[in-house]
Amino acid sequence: MTAPSDLTSRLGLGPDARAVILNADDFGMCHAANTAISALLADGRIDSATVMVPCSWSPEALAFAAARTDLDVGVHLVLTSEWTRYRWRPLTDGRSLVDADGFFPPQVVTVEQQADEDEVVAELAAQLQSALDAGVDVTHLDNHMGSVYGLETGRDFLQHVFALAARHRLPFRLPRIMDGTESDAALQSKLALAATVAAEHGIEIVDRLWTHPFELSGEGTDHEESYEQVRDGFIALLRAAPAGVTEIYLHPMTGGEELRAAVDYGSEKREYERRLLSDSAVLAAIEEEGLVRIGWRALRDLQRGTTR
């Protein structure tokens, strides 16, 4: 396994610290996301969240974040719109960024194949600026569905994201290490190069980026995964966190008719994730393992040379 960086030491946590960031993606996607994520943030059950600015319910999320600048809220840079019944469009008029219906395309491969770089730059800048204009003290940037990483065709937009992050002095979600890819020399080499470029821009990144499956095993069948199985799998993930800084991202949402209408699959899983973040067994595992929970603001402060 590749060794972590010196990030925990530079954060003042010590070289052997096992730090985790529990991040909620898709804030602002829908009201179901907003009710779950805002409550989890306010209750300290998650460490940060990122807003999908182009989505219809982002004004509610942005208003919450602007009113609670003590909480860590970043921008979830969006170039895709993956659901069948609920779609969203760019903030700009980039023609290469949309499908025949005028929405972001559902697949990352389409973005990599057809997106014009100048239009990507303009769109991502507009999304961040919209959050800033709404009064959000943006703590970091990350990316919806990995559409800037170049994982499908090899064509990435990282240089433009790094330029945006550097200009606003923000850290960016990029894993220094992809566990399980030691045999994939090309991918690990790409990560290493990206980490080097991020460092050249003065951008802080995490050591690892983890999650768990987006949908329930056996969803829609008699063998559908139960809440207890999801919870136990998440606890196992937490217990496996090694030394370094690991972001674990989830998609907690409030279950119900709105969520079921918005997404094609996984609505029950998103409700499960809302529940497990307040589950006493999960909280106990974090304490038992001695995991140190931090937010993205800590990385931003480090990047900006400030302390709290």
Protein backbone atom coordinates (compact mmCIF):
# COMPACT_ATOMS: atom_id res chain seq x y z
CA MET A 1 0.00 0.00 0.00
CA THR A 2 1.35 3.45 -0.94
CA ALA A 3 2.31 5.56 2.07
CA PRO A 4 0.28 8.67 2.86
CA SER A 5 1.71 12.17 2.60
CA ASP A 6 2.79 14.41 5.46
CA LEU A 7 -0.62 16.10 5.43
CA THR A 8 -1.66 15.03 8.93
CA SER A 9 1.62 16.31 10.34
CA ARG A 10 1.20 19.64 8.60
CA LEU A 11 -2.32 19.81 10.04
CA GLY A 12 -0.81 19.34 13.50
CA LEU A 13 -2.32 15.89 14.01
CA GLY A 14 0.82 13.76 13.95
CA PRO A 15 2.17 11.35 11.31
CA ASP A 16 0.12 8.35 12.46
CA ALA A 17 -3.22 10.12 12.79
CA ARG A 18 -6.17 8.53 11.02
CA ALA A 19 -8.14 11.57 9.94
CA VAL A 20 -11.45 11.36 8.08
CA ILE A 21 -13.67 13.91 6.38
CA LEU A 22 -17.31 12.80 6.19
CA ASN A 23 -18.58 14.75 3.20
CA ALA A 24 -22.12 14.87 1.81
CA ASP A 25 -22.28 15.30 -1.95
CA ASP A 26 -25.28 16.62 -3.90
CA PHE A 27 -26.39 19.38 -1.50
CA GLY A 28 -28.93 21.42 -3.46
CA MET A 29 -29.86 18.61 -5.86
CA CYS A 30 -33.38 18.43 -4.44
CA HIS A 31 -35.31 19.36 -1.30
CA ALA A 32 -34.79 15.82 0.04
CA ALA A 33 -31.03 16.38 -0.12
CA ASN A 34 -31.30 19.77 1.55
CA THR A 35 -33.39 18.66 4.51
CA ALA A 36 -31.05 15.76 5.26
CA ILE A 37 -27.73 17.51 4.69
CA SER A 38 -28.56 20.76 6.45
CA ALA A 39 -29.66 18.84 9.56
CA LEU A 40 -26.58 16.61 9.50
CA LEU A 41 -24.30 19.63 9.14
CA ALA A 42 -26.03 21.54 11.93
CA ASP A 43 -25.89 18.51 14.23
CA GLY A 44 -22.21 17.85 13.52
CA ARG A 45 -22.89 14.42 12.02
CA ILE A 46 -20.99 15.27 8.83
CA ASP A 47 -17.93 17.44 8.42
CA SER A 48 -18.71 19.12 5.12
CA ALA A 49 -21.01 19.18 2.10
CA THR A 50 -20.81 20.39 -1.49
CA VAL A 51 -23.53 22.20 -3.43
CA MET A 52 -24.65 21.38 -6.96
CA VAL A 53 -25.18 24.98 -8.02
CA PRO A 54 -26.99 24.32 -11.36
CA CYS A 55 -29.75 22.29 -9.69
CA SER A 56 -33.22 23.69 -9.05
CA TRP A 57 -33.01 23.40 -5.27
CA SER A 58 -29.55 24.98 -4.94
CA PRO A 59 -30.92 28.38 -3.80
CA GLU A 60 -32.22 26.72 -0.63
CA ALA A 61 -28.86 25.06 0.02
CA LEU A 62 -26.91 28.22 -0.76
CA ALA A 63 -29.11 30.28 1.57
CA PHE A 64 -28.48 27.80 4.37
CA ALA A 65 -24.73 27.86 3.75
CA ALA A 66 -24.65 31.65 3.61
CA ALA A 67 -26.44 31.81 6.97
CA ARG A 68 -24.11 29.23 8.53
CA THR A 69 -20.63 30.23 7.46
CA ASP A 70 -19.28 28.37 10.49
CA LEU A 71 -20.05 25.12 8.64
CA ASP A 72 -17.89 23.67 5.86
CA VAL A 73 -19.65 23.94 2.51
CA GLY A 74 -17.95 23.69 -0.87
CA VAL A 75 -19.00 23.57 -4.51
CA HIS A 76 -19.71 20.28 -6.28
CA LEU A 77 -18.62 21.20 -9.82
CA VAL A 78 -21.17 19.78 -12.26
CA LEU A 79 -20.85 18.76 -15.92
CA THR A 80 -23.33 15.85 -15.96
CA SER A 81 -27.03 15.29 -15.25
CA GLU A 82 -27.57 11.59 -14.74
CA TRP A 83 -31.25 11.01 -13.92
CA THR A 84 -34.02 10.29 -16.43
CA ARG A 85 -36.90 12.37 -15.01
CA TYR A 86 -35.02 15.16 -13.23
CA ARG A 87 -32.40 17.09 -15.20
CA TRP A 88 -30.38 20.32 -14.86
CA ARG A 89 -28.71 22.71 -17.30
CA PRO A 90 -25.49 24.73 -17.38
CA LEU A 91 -25.40 28.25 -15.97
CA THR A 92 -23.63 29.39 -19.13
CA ASP A 93 -24.58 28.98 -22.79
CA GLY A 94 -21.87 26.48 -23.73
CA ARG A 95 -23.30 24.41 -26.56
CA SER A 96 -20.76 21.63 -26.17
CA LEU A 97 -21.89 21.07 -22.58
CA VAL A 98 -25.44 19.94 -23.35
CA ASP A 99 -27.26 17.08 -25.01
CA ALA A 100 -30.01 17.31 -27.62
CA ASP A 101 -32.51 18.33 -24.93
CA GLY A 102 -30.39 21.16 -23.63
CA PHE A 103 -29.32 19.48 -20.38
CA PHE A 104 -25.91 18.35 -19.18
CA PRO A 105 -25.32 14.86 -20.63
CA PRO A 106 -25.97 11.87 -18.37
CA GLN A 107 -22.64 10.15 -19.01
CA VAL A 108 -19.11 11.28 -18.15
CA VAL A 109 -17.74 9.82 -21.38
CA THR A 110 -19.88 12.28 -23.36
CA VAL A 111 -18.36 15.19 -21.47
CA GLU A 112 -14.84 13.98 -22.13
CA GLN A 113 -15.57 13.45 -25.83
CA GLN A 114 -17.45 16.62 -26.72
CA ALA A 115 -16.92 19.39 -24.14
CA ASP A 116 -15.05 22.47 -25.35
CA GLU A 117 -12.35 23.42 -22.86
CA ASP A 118 -13.13 27.14 -22.91
CA GLU A 119 -16.78 26.38 -22.23
CA VAL A 120 -15.83 24.05 -19.36
CA VAL A 121 -13.68 26.81 -17.86
CA ALA A 122 -16.50 29.35 -18.10
CA GLU A 123 -19.10 27.00 -16.66
CA LEU A 124 -17.08 25.86 -13.67
CA ALA A 125 -16.08 29.43 -12.87
CA ALA A 126 -19.74 30.49 -13.06
CA GLN A 127 -20.78 27.76 -10.64
CA LEU A 128 -18.20 28.79 -8.06
CA GLN A 129 -18.93 32.49 -8.52
CA SER A 130 -22.65 31.90 -8.03
CA ALA A 131 -21.96 30.32 -4.65
CA LEU A 132 -19.65 33.16 -3.65
CA ASP A 133 -22.19 35.74 -4.78
CA ALA A 134 -24.82 34.01 -2.64
CA GLY A 135 -22.65 34.66 0.41
CA VAL A 136 -21.21 31.18 0.88
CA ASP A 137 -17.77 31.01 2.51
CA VAL A 138 -16.71 28.26 0.10
CA THR A 139 -14.31 25.85 1.79
CA HIS A 140 -13.37 23.57 -1.10
CA LEU A 141 -14.16 22.23 -4.55
CA ASP A 142 -15.02 18.73 -5.71
CA ASN A 143 -16.62 17.22 -8.77
CA HIS A 144 -19.89 15.43 -9.58
CA MET A 145 -19.40 11.94 -11.04
CA GLY A 146 -15.67 12.54 -11.60
CA SER A 147 -16.33 14.30 -14.89
CA VAL A 148 -13.09 16.34 -14.76
CA TYR A 149 -10.74 13.43 -13.94
CA GLY A 150 -10.43 11.87 -17.40
CA LEU A 151 -11.24 8.36 -16.17
CA GLU A 152 -13.22 7.30 -19.24
CA THR A 153 -11.13 8.39 -22.23
CA GLY A 154 -8.07 9.92 -20.58
CA ARG A 155 -9.09 13.47 -21.49
CA ASP A 156 -9.28 15.44 -18.24
CA PHE A 157 -9.95 19.05 -17.25
CA LEU A 158 -7.80 19.05 -14.13
CA GLN A 159 -5.50 21.84 -15.26
CA HIS A 160 -8.50 24.17 -15.50
CA VAL A 161 -9.88 23.07 -12.14
CA PHE A 162 -6.45 23.59 -10.55
CA ALA A 163 -6.30 27.08 -12.03
CA LEU A 164 -9.75 27.87 -10.62
CA ALA A 165 -8.89 26.43 -7.21
CA ALA A 166 -5.56 28.26 -7.08
CA ARG A 167 -7.16 31.56 -8.05
CA HIS A 168 -9.61 31.28 -5.13
CA ARG A 169 -7.11 29.58 -2.80
CA LEU A 170 -9.29 26.50 -2.33
CA PRO A 171 -8.40 22.82 -1.82
CA PHE A 172 -9.77 20.29 -4.28
CA ARG A 173 -10.97 16.72 -3.91
CA LEU A 174 -8.30 14.62 -5.54
CA PRO A 175 -6.92 11.45 -3.96
CA ARG A 176 -3.16 11.16 -3.75
CA ILE A 177 -3.56 7.39 -3.43
CA MET A 178 -6.12 5.07 -5.05
CA ASP A 179 -6.07 1.95 -2.90
CA GLY A 180 -6.34 -1.26 -4.84
CA THR A 181 -4.78 0.26 -7.97
CA GLU A 182 -1.17 -0.71 -7.29
CA SER A 183 -1.44 -3.12 -10.21
CA ASP A 184 -2.88 -0.36 -12.41
CA ALA A 185 0.33 1.50 -13.09
CA ALA A 186 -1.27 3.89 -15.59
CA LEU A 187 -3.91 5.11 -13.15
CA GLN A 188 -1.49 5.47 -10.26
CA SER A 189 0.91 7.33 -12.53
CA LYS A 190 -1.90 9.69 -13.59
CA LEU A 191 -2.75 10.35 -9.94
CA ALA A 192 0.88 10.97 -9.07
CA LEU A 193 1.24 13.47 -11.90
CA ALA A 194 -2.00 15.21 -10.93
CA ALA A 195 -0.84 15.41 -7.31
CA THR A 196 2.41 16.97 -8.43
CA VAL A 197 0.60 19.57 -10.52
CA ALA A 198 -1.75 20.32 -7.62
CA ALA A 199 1.25 20.88 -5.38
CA GLU A 200 2.80 23.20 -7.96
CA HIS A 201 -0.41 25.27 -7.77
CA GLY A 202 -0.27 25.22 -3.97
CA ILE A 203 -3.51 23.22 -3.78
CA GLU A 204 -4.13 20.86 -0.87
CA ILE A 205 -5.58 17.43 -1.68
CA VAL A 206 -6.48 14.41 0.45
CA ASP A 207 -4.54 11.17 0.74
CA ARG A 208 -7.50 8.93 -0.09
CA LEU A 209 -11.05 9.21 -1.40
CA TRP A 210 -13.49 6.48 -0.38
CA THR A 211 -17.18 5.76 -0.63
CA HIS A 212 -19.42 2.70 -0.73
CA PRO A 213 -21.83 1.44 -3.44
CA PHE A 214 -24.35 3.97 -4.73
CA GLU A 215 -27.20 1.47 -4.87
CA LEU A 216 -28.41 -1.33 -2.68
CA SER A 217 -27.18 -4.82 -3.44
CA GLY A 218 -30.11 -6.73 -4.92
CA GLU A 219 -32.23 -3.59 -5.13
CA GLY A 220 -35.79 -4.37 -6.18
CA THR A 221 -35.47 -8.10 -5.44
CA ASP A 222 -36.32 -10.31 -2.49
CA HIS A 223 -32.62 -10.20 -1.57
CA GLU A 224 -32.37 -6.42 -1.30
CA GLU A 225 -29.71 -5.24 1.14
CA SER A 226 -31.10 -4.19 4.51
CA TYR A 227 -30.31 -1.06 6.49
CA GLU A 228 -28.33 -3.14 8.97
CA GLN A 229 -26.17 -4.55 6.17
CA VAL A 230 -25.50 -1.07 4.81
CA ARG A 231 -24.62 0.16 8.30
CA ASP A 232 -22.28 -2.77 8.96
CA GLY A 233 -20.56 -2.22 5.62
CA PHE A 234 -20.06 1.45 6.41
CA ILE A 235 -18.64 0.63 9.84
CA ALA A 236 -16.20 -1.78 8.20
CA LEU A 237 -15.15 1.01 5.84
CA LEU A 238 -14.53 3.35 8.77
CA ARG A 239 -12.51 0.73 10.65
CA ALA A 240 -10.29 0.23 7.59
CA ALA A 241 -9.28 3.91 7.34
CA PRO A 242 -5.45 4.04 7.52
CA ALA A 243 -3.10 6.80 8.59
CA GLY A 244 -3.48 9.98 6.58
CA VAL A 245 -6.51 12.02 5.54
CA THR A 246 -9.34 10.04 3.96
CA GLU A 247 -12.46 11.70 2.62
CA ILE A 248 -15.48 9.41 2.78
CA TYR A 249 -18.29 10.87 0.72
CA LEU A 250 -21.95 9.91 0.90
CA HIS A 251 -25.28 11.06 -0.53
CA PRO A 252 -27.68 11.35 2.44
CA MET A 253 -31.22 12.40 1.58
CA THR A 254 -34.64 12.29 3.19
CA GLY A 255 -36.66 9.40 1.81
CA GLY A 256 -40.11 9.94 0.38
CA GLU A 257 -42.09 10.60 -2.78
CA GLU A 258 -39.97 13.52 -3.97
CA LEU A 259 -36.74 11.54 -3.83
CA ARG A 260 -38.29 8.47 -5.45
CA ALA A 261 -39.56 10.66 -8.29
CA ALA A 262 -36.20 12.37 -8.81
CA VAL A 263 -33.80 9.42 -8.97
CA ASP A 264 -33.82 6.29 -11.10
CA TYR A 265 -32.42 4.05 -8.37
CA GLY A 266 -30.93 4.16 -4.89
CA SER A 267 -33.54 6.30 -3.13
CA GLU A 268 -33.69 3.86 -0.22
CA LYS A 269 -29.89 3.82 -0.01
CA ARG A 270 -29.77 7.60 0.28
CA GLU A 271 -32.26 7.47 3.14
CA TYR A 272 -30.16 4.76 4.76
CA GLU A 273 -27.11 7.01 4.54
CA ARG A 274 -29.03 9.78 6.30
CA ARG A 275 -29.87 7.36 9.11
CA LEU A 276 -26.47 5.77 9.50
CA LEU A 277 -24.69 9.09 10.02
CA SER A 278 -26.58 9.45 13.30
CA ASP A 279 -26.54 5.76 14.19
CA SER A 280 -25.07 5.06 17.64
CA ALA A 281 -23.16 2.04 16.28
CA VAL A 282 -21.46 4.23 13.65
CA LEU A 283 -20.62 6.92 16.19
CA ALA A 284 -19.21 4.27 18.53
CA ALA A 285 -17.01 2.83 15.79
CA ILE A 286 -15.52 6.24 15.05
CA GLU A 287 -14.68 6.67 18.72
CA GLU A 288 -13.36 3.13 19.16
CA GLU A 289 -11.07 3.47 16.17
CA GLY A 290 -9.71 6.81 17.36
CA LEU A 291 -10.57 8.44 14.04
CA VAL A 292 -9.97 12.18 13.96
CA ARG A 293 -12.77 14.00 12.17
CA ILE A 294 -11.77 17.16 10.35
CA GLY A 295 -13.40 19.41 7.79
CA TRP A 296 -12.21 20.88 4.52
CA ARG A 297 -11.81 24.25 6.22
CA ALA A 298 -8.73 22.81 7.95
CA LEU A 299 -7.16 22.10 4.55
CA ARG A 300 -8.19 25.53 3.28
CA ASP A 301 -6.61 27.20 6.29
CA LEU A 302 -3.44 25.18 5.74
CA GLN A 303 -3.38 26.16 2.07
CA ARG A 304 -3.91 29.82 2.89
CA GLY A 305 -1.35 29.76 5.67
CA THR A 306 -3.87 30.66 8.36
CA THR A 307 -4.69 28.96 11.65
CA ARG A 308 -7.73 28.64 13.85
